[in-house]
Amino acid sequence: MLRDLSDPEPPLDLRQVRELLKLDRAYYTADDPSLAHMVASRIRVGAIQVFKRPALLLDIVRTLDLRGFYVPDQRRILIDRLQPEPKHRWLEAHEIGHSLLPWHEDAMFGDSQHTLSPSCHDAIEAEASFAAGRLLFLRDRFTIQANDHAPGLEAVKALKPAFGNTYTTTFWRCIETWGVERPIVGLITKHPHPTKRAADFNPLKPCRHFIQSPAFAARFTRITEVGLFQVIADYCSPARGGSLGQRECILTDDNGEEHRFHFETFSFYHDVLTLGLHLGPYNTPVKIGVINTGT
């Protein structure tokens, strides 16, 4: 598809993608009764057709907490208008991913309790997200540019406008790019300072996303998001935006060996990003005494 678009320069214009694929885009809200009539056609949910029971579509949207979906027979992408506008680009690309994969059509709107197993549903969603990432970051174009930067949040901020994606998706892609061989970990959270936490803060699930590079996931399986969140909460300032602090910490790998990591945290107001970069093994200083040779 990107070749058909003559290998475009970043940022990718999704309007051109829709024109090429002959896709339509519209918006909805989950509490809008007209949603069902707008898309009711030959969509199947298990053995029930939506056009026989249009209200069923609203039930699906609310139950599955859908932020967007693709209607195959209408070649239409629908985006939840109540989602923050910066997220619309990713949601649209994700649904384009579904449209590119023909075997997804039979599974669209499947009742996951009866038609799709959870593992199948997760696999399909992962495939659509993979396709979205390859589109928005122009296959290996982002990898080349990211590797021209020293890993860090300053690089994330520089790469974000170049490809037109959000800070969170750029952050995620940077960790995957930089962390093939280097252990890197990322946390996407709300403000970690105790005085800034929301009333519904869950200490057992403090992160929106806990991102592990391939190298980190292979060597640090015992490190949890709860433990790392406490580390960053200890050094973060209560400032509303901008840099919240940084610290060097020691993490233990699966072999019991200690490693130095540098953590830095930055608040983009809606999301707080924390990046942990592996610096090297931690060697406990050894005291060397002076040997008296008698001379």
Protein backbone atom coordinates (compact mmCIF):
# COMPACT_ATOMS: atom_id res chain seq x y z
CA MET A 1 0.00 0.00 0.00
CA LEU A 2 2.82 2.41 0.81
CA ARG A 3 4.41 1.59 -2.54
CA ASP A 4 1.10 2.46 -4.21
CA LEU A 5 1.33 5.83 -2.44
CA SER A 6 4.83 6.28 -3.95
CA ASP A 7 6.59 5.80 -0.60
CA PRO A 8 5.33 9.03 1.01
CA GLU A 9 7.35 11.29 3.24
CA PRO A 10 6.33 11.54 6.91
CA PRO A 11 3.87 12.35 8.28
CA LEU A 12 1.58 9.91 6.47
CA ASP A 13 -1.65 11.52 5.24
CA LEU A 14 -4.45 9.11 6.19
CA ARG A 15 -6.81 10.83 3.75
CA GLN A 16 -4.69 9.48 0.91
CA VAL A 17 -4.79 6.02 2.47
CA ARG A 18 -8.60 6.11 2.65
CA GLU A 19 -8.84 7.30 -0.95
CA LEU A 20 -6.57 4.50 -2.14
CA LEU A 21 -8.53 1.86 -0.22
CA LYS A 22 -11.91 3.46 -0.97
CA LEU A 23 -12.73 3.79 2.73
CA ASP A 24 -15.16 6.18 4.37
CA ARG A 25 -14.70 7.67 7.86
CA ALA A 26 -17.39 8.86 10.22
CA TYR A 27 -17.81 9.56 13.93
CA TYR A 28 -20.19 8.31 16.56
CA THR A 29 -20.90 8.47 20.28
CA ALA A 30 -21.75 5.34 22.22
CA ASP A 31 -24.93 6.86 23.64
CA ASP A 32 -26.28 8.00 20.25
CA PRO A 33 -29.22 5.82 19.10
CA SER A 34 -28.61 6.82 15.47
CA LEU A 35 -25.39 4.80 15.53
CA ALA A 36 -27.28 1.55 15.07
CA HIS A 37 -29.24 2.83 12.09
CA MET A 38 -26.13 4.38 10.55
CA VAL A 39 -24.28 1.08 10.26
CA ALA A 40 -26.98 -1.59 10.49
CA SER A 41 -26.59 -3.74 7.40
CA ARG A 42 -25.19 -7.22 6.97
CA ILE A 43 -23.01 -7.13 10.10
CA ARG A 44 -23.24 -10.37 12.04
CA VAL A 45 -22.83 -10.77 15.76
CA GLY A 46 -22.57 -14.49 16.40
CA ALA A 47 -25.65 -15.84 14.62
CA ILE A 48 -27.67 -12.63 14.94
CA GLN A 49 -27.74 -9.96 12.22
CA VAL A 50 -27.63 -6.40 13.45
CA PHE A 51 -30.19 -5.20 10.92
CA LYS A 52 -32.75 -7.45 12.63
CA ARG A 53 -31.91 -5.93 16.01
CA PRO A 54 -30.13 -2.56 15.55
CA ALA A 55 -29.92 -1.84 19.30
CA LEU A 56 -27.56 -4.82 19.58
CA LEU A 57 -24.80 -2.72 18.05
CA LEU A 58 -25.04 -0.19 20.88
CA ASP A 59 -24.75 -3.04 23.38
CA ILE A 60 -21.55 -4.22 21.68
CA VAL A 61 -20.00 -0.76 21.69
CA ARG A 62 -20.74 -0.24 25.39
CA THR A 63 -19.82 -3.76 26.55
CA LEU A 64 -16.51 -3.95 24.66
CA ASP A 65 -15.76 -0.25 25.29
CA LEU A 66 -15.01 0.23 21.59
CA ARG A 67 -13.19 3.43 20.61
CA GLY A 68 -13.49 2.69 16.91
CA PHE A 69 -14.56 -0.07 14.57
CA TYR A 70 -14.63 -1.06 10.92
CA VAL A 71 -17.81 -1.97 9.00
CA PRO A 72 -16.57 -4.26 6.19
CA ASP A 73 -19.59 -4.32 3.90
CA GLN A 74 -19.83 -0.50 3.96
CA ARG A 75 -16.05 0.06 3.79
CA ARG A 76 -16.58 2.49 6.66
CA ILE A 77 -14.44 3.35 9.67
CA LEU A 78 -16.24 4.75 12.70
CA ILE A 79 -14.37 6.65 15.44
CA ASP A 80 -15.71 7.50 18.90
CA ARG A 81 -16.02 11.29 18.84
CA LEU A 82 -15.56 11.47 22.63
CA GLN A 83 -12.01 10.13 22.42
CA PRO A 84 -9.31 12.84 22.64
CA GLU A 85 -8.59 14.15 19.16
CA PRO A 86 -4.85 13.24 19.24
CA LYS A 87 -5.91 9.58 19.57
CA HIS A 88 -8.10 9.64 16.45
CA ARG A 89 -5.10 9.12 14.17
CA TRP A 90 -4.10 5.86 15.85
CA LEU A 91 -7.69 4.64 16.09
CA GLU A 92 -8.21 5.28 12.38
CA ALA A 93 -4.96 3.54 11.43
CA HIS A 94 -5.90 0.55 13.61
CA GLU A 95 -9.21 0.16 11.77
CA ILE A 96 -7.42 0.55 8.43
CA GLY A 97 -5.30 -2.36 9.62
CA HIS A 98 -8.46 -4.45 10.03
CA SER A 99 -9.54 -3.51 6.50
CA LEU A 100 -6.19 -4.64 5.05
CA LEU A 101 -6.47 -8.12 6.58
CA PRO A 102 -9.26 -10.04 4.80
CA TRP A 103 -9.49 -12.81 7.41
CA HIS A 104 -10.60 -10.20 9.98
CA GLU A 105 -13.91 -9.59 8.24
CA ASP A 106 -15.55 -12.76 9.54
CA ALA A 107 -14.49 -11.88 13.08
CA MET A 108 -15.63 -8.25 13.12
CA PHE A 109 -18.18 -7.69 15.90
CA GLY A 110 -17.90 -11.30 16.97
CA ASP A 111 -19.27 -12.03 20.43
CA SER A 112 -16.00 -12.85 22.19
CA GLN A 113 -17.81 -15.05 24.72
CA HIS A 114 -19.31 -17.30 22.05
CA THR A 115 -17.72 -16.71 18.65
CA LEU A 116 -14.15 -15.67 19.43
CA SER A 117 -11.90 -17.01 22.12
CA PRO A 118 -10.09 -14.29 24.10
CA SER A 119 -6.76 -15.40 22.59
CA CYS A 120 -8.18 -15.14 19.06
CA HIS A 121 -9.63 -11.70 19.77
CA ASP A 122 -6.29 -10.53 21.21
CA ALA A 123 -4.42 -11.90 18.19
CA ILE A 124 -6.67 -10.07 15.75
CA GLU A 125 -6.33 -6.81 17.66
CA ALA A 126 -2.55 -7.25 17.81
CA GLU A 127 -2.42 -7.77 14.04
CA ALA A 128 -4.41 -4.59 13.41
CA SER A 129 -2.16 -2.64 15.81
CA PHE A 130 0.95 -4.01 14.10
CA ALA A 131 -0.41 -2.87 10.73
CA ALA A 132 -1.22 0.57 12.18
CA GLY A 133 2.32 0.92 13.51
CA ARG A 134 3.89 -0.06 10.20
CA LEU A 135 1.69 2.50 8.43
CA LEU A 136 2.04 5.47 10.74
CA PHE A 137 5.78 4.98 11.18
CA LEU A 138 6.33 4.21 7.47
CA ARG A 139 7.75 0.71 7.92
CA ASP A 140 11.49 1.06 8.62
CA ARG A 141 11.69 4.81 8.03
CA PHE A 142 11.12 5.56 11.70
CA THR A 143 13.62 2.91 12.81
CA ILE A 144 16.37 4.56 10.76
CA GLN A 145 15.62 8.03 12.11
CA ALA A 146 15.21 6.88 15.71
CA ASN A 147 18.57 5.14 15.62
CA ASP A 148 20.17 8.43 14.56
CA HIS A 149 19.23 9.82 18.01
CA ALA A 150 20.70 8.99 21.37
CA PRO A 151 17.99 7.17 23.38
CA GLY A 152 16.13 9.50 25.71
CA LEU A 153 12.95 11.52 26.11
CA GLU A 154 14.49 14.42 24.17
CA ALA A 155 14.66 12.13 21.15
CA VAL A 156 11.00 11.14 21.64
CA LYS A 157 10.04 14.82 21.63
CA ALA A 158 12.07 15.43 18.46
CA LEU A 159 10.62 12.45 16.58
CA LYS A 160 6.99 13.08 17.53
CA PRO A 161 6.27 16.00 15.14
CA ALA A 162 8.29 14.46 12.31
CA PHE A 163 5.84 11.55 11.96
CA GLY A 164 2.72 13.32 13.21
CA ASN A 165 1.85 10.74 15.87
CA THR A 166 1.20 11.13 19.59
CA TYR A 167 3.90 11.22 22.24
CA THR A 168 2.71 7.89 23.63
CA THR A 169 2.82 6.00 20.32
CA THR A 170 6.19 7.58 19.47
CA PHE A 171 7.50 6.66 22.93
CA TRP A 172 6.34 3.06 22.51
CA ARG A 173 7.94 2.74 19.07
CA CYS A 174 11.22 4.23 20.32
CA ILE A 175 11.47 1.62 23.09
CA GLU A 176 10.85 -1.18 20.59
CA THR A 177 13.47 0.30 18.23
CA TRP A 178 16.20 1.07 20.75
CA GLY A 179 15.61 -1.98 22.90
CA VAL A 180 16.22 -4.91 20.58
CA GLU A 181 19.52 -5.65 22.31
CA ARG A 182 19.55 -3.03 25.08
CA PRO A 183 17.23 -3.51 28.10
CA ILE A 184 14.83 -0.55 28.16
CA VAL A 185 11.59 -0.13 30.08
CA GLY A 186 8.86 2.48 29.77
CA LEU A 187 5.86 3.45 31.89
CA ILE A 188 2.85 5.47 30.74
CA THR A 189 0.96 6.70 33.79
CA LYS A 190 -0.97 9.54 35.27
CA HIS A 191 0.97 11.82 37.62
CA PRO A 192 2.91 9.55 40.03
CA HIS A 193 3.30 12.02 42.89
CA PRO A 194 1.07 11.02 45.85
CA THR A 195 -0.52 14.49 46.01
CA LYS A 196 -1.51 14.37 42.33
CA ARG A 197 -3.20 10.98 42.17
CA ALA A 198 -6.86 10.67 41.20
CA ALA A 199 -9.45 9.35 43.63
CA ASP A 200 -9.78 6.14 41.62
CA PHE A 201 -6.02 5.44 41.56
CA ASN A 202 -5.37 1.69 41.82
CA PRO A 203 -2.01 0.93 43.52
CA LEU A 204 -2.13 -2.63 42.17
CA LYS A 205 -2.36 -1.36 38.59
CA PRO A 206 -0.69 2.04 38.61
CA CYS A 207 0.30 2.18 34.92
CA ARG A 208 -1.74 2.63 31.78
CA HIS A 209 1.01 0.79 29.93
CA PHE A 210 4.12 -1.08 31.06
CA ILE A 211 6.40 -1.30 28.01
CA GLN A 212 9.35 -3.67 27.94
CA SER A 213 11.89 -3.82 25.14
CA PRO A 214 12.68 -7.32 23.84
CA ALA A 215 15.99 -7.32 25.71
CA PHE A 216 14.38 -6.18 28.97
CA ALA A 217 11.53 -8.71 28.74
CA ALA A 218 14.02 -11.53 28.21
CA ARG A 219 16.21 -10.74 31.24
CA PHE A 220 14.08 -8.93 33.84
CA THR A 221 10.90 -11.00 34.13
CA ARG A 222 10.65 -10.44 37.90
CA ILE A 223 10.49 -6.65 37.63
CA THR A 224 6.89 -5.47 38.04
CA GLU A 225 5.12 -2.26 37.13
CA VAL A 226 4.10 -1.82 40.78
CA GLY A 227 7.73 -1.89 41.92
CA LEU A 228 8.92 0.49 39.20
CA PHE A 229 6.04 2.89 39.81
CA GLN A 230 7.12 3.17 43.44
CA VAL A 231 10.67 3.94 42.28
CA ILE A 232 9.55 6.85 40.11
CA ALA A 233 7.02 8.09 42.69
CA ASP A 234 9.91 8.47 45.16
CA TYR A 235 11.84 10.90 42.96
CA CYS A 236 9.11 12.73 41.01
CA SER A 237 8.23 16.31 41.90
CA PRO A 238 4.58 17.46 42.10
CA ALA A 239 5.07 19.84 39.14
CA ARG A 240 2.09 19.75 36.79
CA GLY A 241 4.05 19.56 33.52
CA GLY A 242 7.56 19.23 32.13
CA SER A 243 10.40 17.29 33.70
CA LEU A 244 9.42 15.61 36.98
CA GLY A 245 12.87 14.28 37.83
CA GLN A 246 15.42 11.57 37.16
CA ARG A 247 17.41 9.01 39.09
CA GLU A 248 19.87 6.16 38.65
CA CYS A 249 18.55 2.89 40.09
CA ILE A 250 19.73 -0.69 40.49
CA LEU A 251 17.58 -3.49 39.04
CA THR A 252 18.27 -7.21 39.51
CA ASP A 253 17.95 -9.55 36.54
CA ASP A 254 16.71 -13.15 36.52
CA ASN A 255 20.22 -14.45 37.29
CA GLY A 256 20.51 -12.33 40.42
CA GLU A 257 22.94 -9.89 38.79
CA GLU A 258 22.54 -6.17 39.48
CA HIS A 259 22.35 -3.56 36.73
CA ARG A 260 22.40 0.23 36.62
CA PHE A 261 19.43 1.98 34.96
CA HIS A 262 18.86 5.67 34.39
CA PHE A 263 15.21 6.74 34.82
CA GLU A 264 13.75 10.05 33.66
CA THR A 265 10.14 11.20 33.86
CA PHE A 266 8.33 13.88 31.89
CA SER A 267 4.73 15.06 32.20
CA PHE A 268 2.79 15.89 29.03
CA TYR A 269 -0.22 16.77 31.23
CA HIS A 270 -2.57 14.05 29.95
CA ASP A 271 0.12 11.37 30.23
CA VAL A 272 3.36 11.01 32.15
CA LEU A 273 6.15 9.12 30.39
CA THR A 274 9.02 7.42 32.23
CA LEU A 275 11.97 5.94 30.38
CA GLY A 276 14.44 3.55 32.01
CA LEU A 277 17.70 2.96 30.10
CA HIS A 278 20.19 0.22 30.90
CA LEU A 279 23.63 1.70 31.65
CA GLY A 280 25.59 -1.45 32.45
CA PRO A 281 26.29 -3.98 35.20
CA TYR A 282 26.55 -2.72 38.75
CA ASN A 283 29.92 -3.58 40.23
CA THR A 284 30.18 -3.20 43.98
CA PRO A 285 33.35 -1.27 44.72
CA VAL A 286 36.11 -3.49 46.08
CA LYS A 287 38.44 -1.99 48.69
CA ILE A 288 42.08 -2.57 47.81
CA GLY A 289 44.49 -2.46 50.73
CA VAL A 290 48.13 -1.38 50.50
CA ILE A 291 50.46 -4.35 50.78
CA ASN A 292 53.52 -3.65 52.90
CA THR A 293 56.46 -5.29 51.14
CA GLY A 294 58.93 -4.24 53.85
CA THR A 295 60.94 -2.06 51.53
